[in-house]
């Protein structure tokens, strides 16, 4: 099946396979850290957590 794609198609497929997981991991890390920041801000606003640097 991969042989029918051609050399250029295979190159693109390998590039996507190599770069895709890295981009997905970077996006997930950004999303996860952003969610944690929002959680901390909500906890601080509710008075259940001291301000940063305290």
C-alpha atoms as a PDB file:
ATOM      1  CA  UNK A   1       0.000   0.000   0.000  1.00  0.00           C
ATOM      2  CA  UNK A   2       2.747   2.482   0.885  1.00  0.00           C
ATOM      3  CA  UNK A   3       4.464   1.753  -2.419  1.00  0.00           C
ATOM      4  CA  UNK A   4       1.474   3.042  -4.346  1.00  0.00           C
ATOM      5  CA  UNK A   5       1.681   6.460  -2.678  1.00  0.00           C
ATOM      6  CA  UNK A   6       4.916   7.409  -4.399  1.00  0.00           C
ATOM      7  CA  UNK A   7       8.147   8.874  -3.109  1.00  0.00           C
ATOM      8  CA  UNK A   8       6.766  12.363  -2.413  1.00  0.00           C
ATOM      9  CA  UNK A   9       3.668  10.993  -0.728  1.00  0.00           C
ATOM     10  CA  UNK A  10       5.779   8.731   1.456  1.00  0.00           C
ATOM     11  CA  UNK A  11       8.013  11.659   2.418  1.00  0.00           C
ATOM     12  CA  UNK A  12       4.985  13.720   3.450  1.00  0.00           C
ATOM     13  CA  UNK A  13       3.516  10.776   5.351  1.00  0.00           C
ATOM     14  CA  UNK A  14       6.759  10.238   7.269  1.00  0.00           C
ATOM     15  CA  UNK A  15       7.055  13.964   8.039  1.00  0.00           C
ATOM     16  CA  UNK A  16       3.510  14.034   9.417  1.00  0.00           C
ATOM     17  CA  UNK A  17       4.180  10.874  11.413  1.00  0.00           C
ATOM     18  CA  UNK A  18       7.332  12.430  12.894  1.00  0.00           C
ATOM     19  CA  UNK A  19       6.091  15.962  13.554  1.00  0.00           C
ATOM     20  CA  UNK A  20       2.432  15.243  14.401  1.00  0.00           C
ATOM     21  CA  UNK A  21       2.995  13.632  17.822  1.00  0.00           C
ATOM     22  CA  UNK A  22       5.376  16.432  18.849  1.00  0.00           C
ATOM     23  CA  UNK A  23       2.809  19.083  17.937  1.00  0.00           C
ATOM     24  CA  UNK A  24       0.049  17.114  19.671  1.00  0.00           C
ATOM     25  CA  UNK A  25       2.139  16.821  22.848  1.00  0.00           C
ATOM     26  CA  UNK A  26       2.996  20.535  22.804  1.00  0.00           C
ATOM     27  CA  UNK A  27      -0.678  21.454  22.367  1.00  0.00           C
ATOM     28  CA  UNK A  28      -1.713  19.121  25.197  1.00  0.00           C
ATOM     29  CA  UNK A  29       0.955  20.542  27.544  1.00  0.00           C
ATOM     30  CA  UNK A  30      -0.178  24.106  26.734  1.00  0.00           C
ATOM     31  CA  UNK A  31      -3.826  23.165  27.309  1.00  0.00           C
ATOM     32  CA  UNK A  32      -3.055  21.296  30.565  1.00  0.00           C
ATOM     33  CA  UNK A  33      -0.958  24.139  32.025  1.00  0.00           C
ATOM     34  CA  UNK A  34      -3.608  26.683  31.026  1.00  0.00           C
ATOM     35  CA  UNK A  35      -6.308  24.613  32.760  1.00  0.00           C
ATOM     36  CA  UNK A  36      -4.173  24.465  35.911  1.00  0.00           C
ATOM     37  CA  UNK A  37      -3.696  28.225  35.853  1.00  0.00           C
ATOM     38  CA  UNK A  38      -7.459  28.772  35.525  1.00  0.00           C
ATOM     39  CA  UNK A  39      -8.049  26.384  38.451  1.00  0.00           C
ATOM     40  CA  UNK A  40      -5.534  28.260  40.615  1.00  0.00           C
ATOM     41  CA  UNK A  41      -7.152  31.598  39.751  1.00  0.00           C
ATOM     42  CA  UNK A  42     -10.591  30.272  40.697  1.00  0.00           C
ATOM     43  CA  UNK A  43      -9.274  28.898  43.991  1.00  0.00           C
ATOM     44  CA  UNK A  44      -7.586  32.223  44.785  1.00  0.00           C
ATOM     45  CA  UNK A  45     -10.723  34.199  43.919  1.00  0.00           C
ATOM     46  CA  UNK A  46     -12.746  31.987  46.243  1.00  0.00           C
ATOM     47  CA  UNK A  47     -10.237  32.644  49.050  1.00  0.00           C
ATOM     48  CA  UNK A  48      -9.167  29.028  49.406  1.00  0.00           C
ATOM     49  CA  UNK A  49      -5.576  29.622  48.347  1.00  0.00           C
ATOM     50  CA  UNK A  50      -2.997  32.264  49.304  1.00  0.00           C
ATOM     51  CA  UNK A  51      -1.805  34.727  46.647  1.00  0.00           C
ATOM     52  CA  UNK A  52       1.313  33.780  44.663  1.00  0.00           C
ATOM     53  CA  UNK A  53       4.615  34.354  46.417  1.00  0.00           C
ATOM     54  CA  UNK A  54       3.052  34.082  49.870  1.00  0.00           C
END
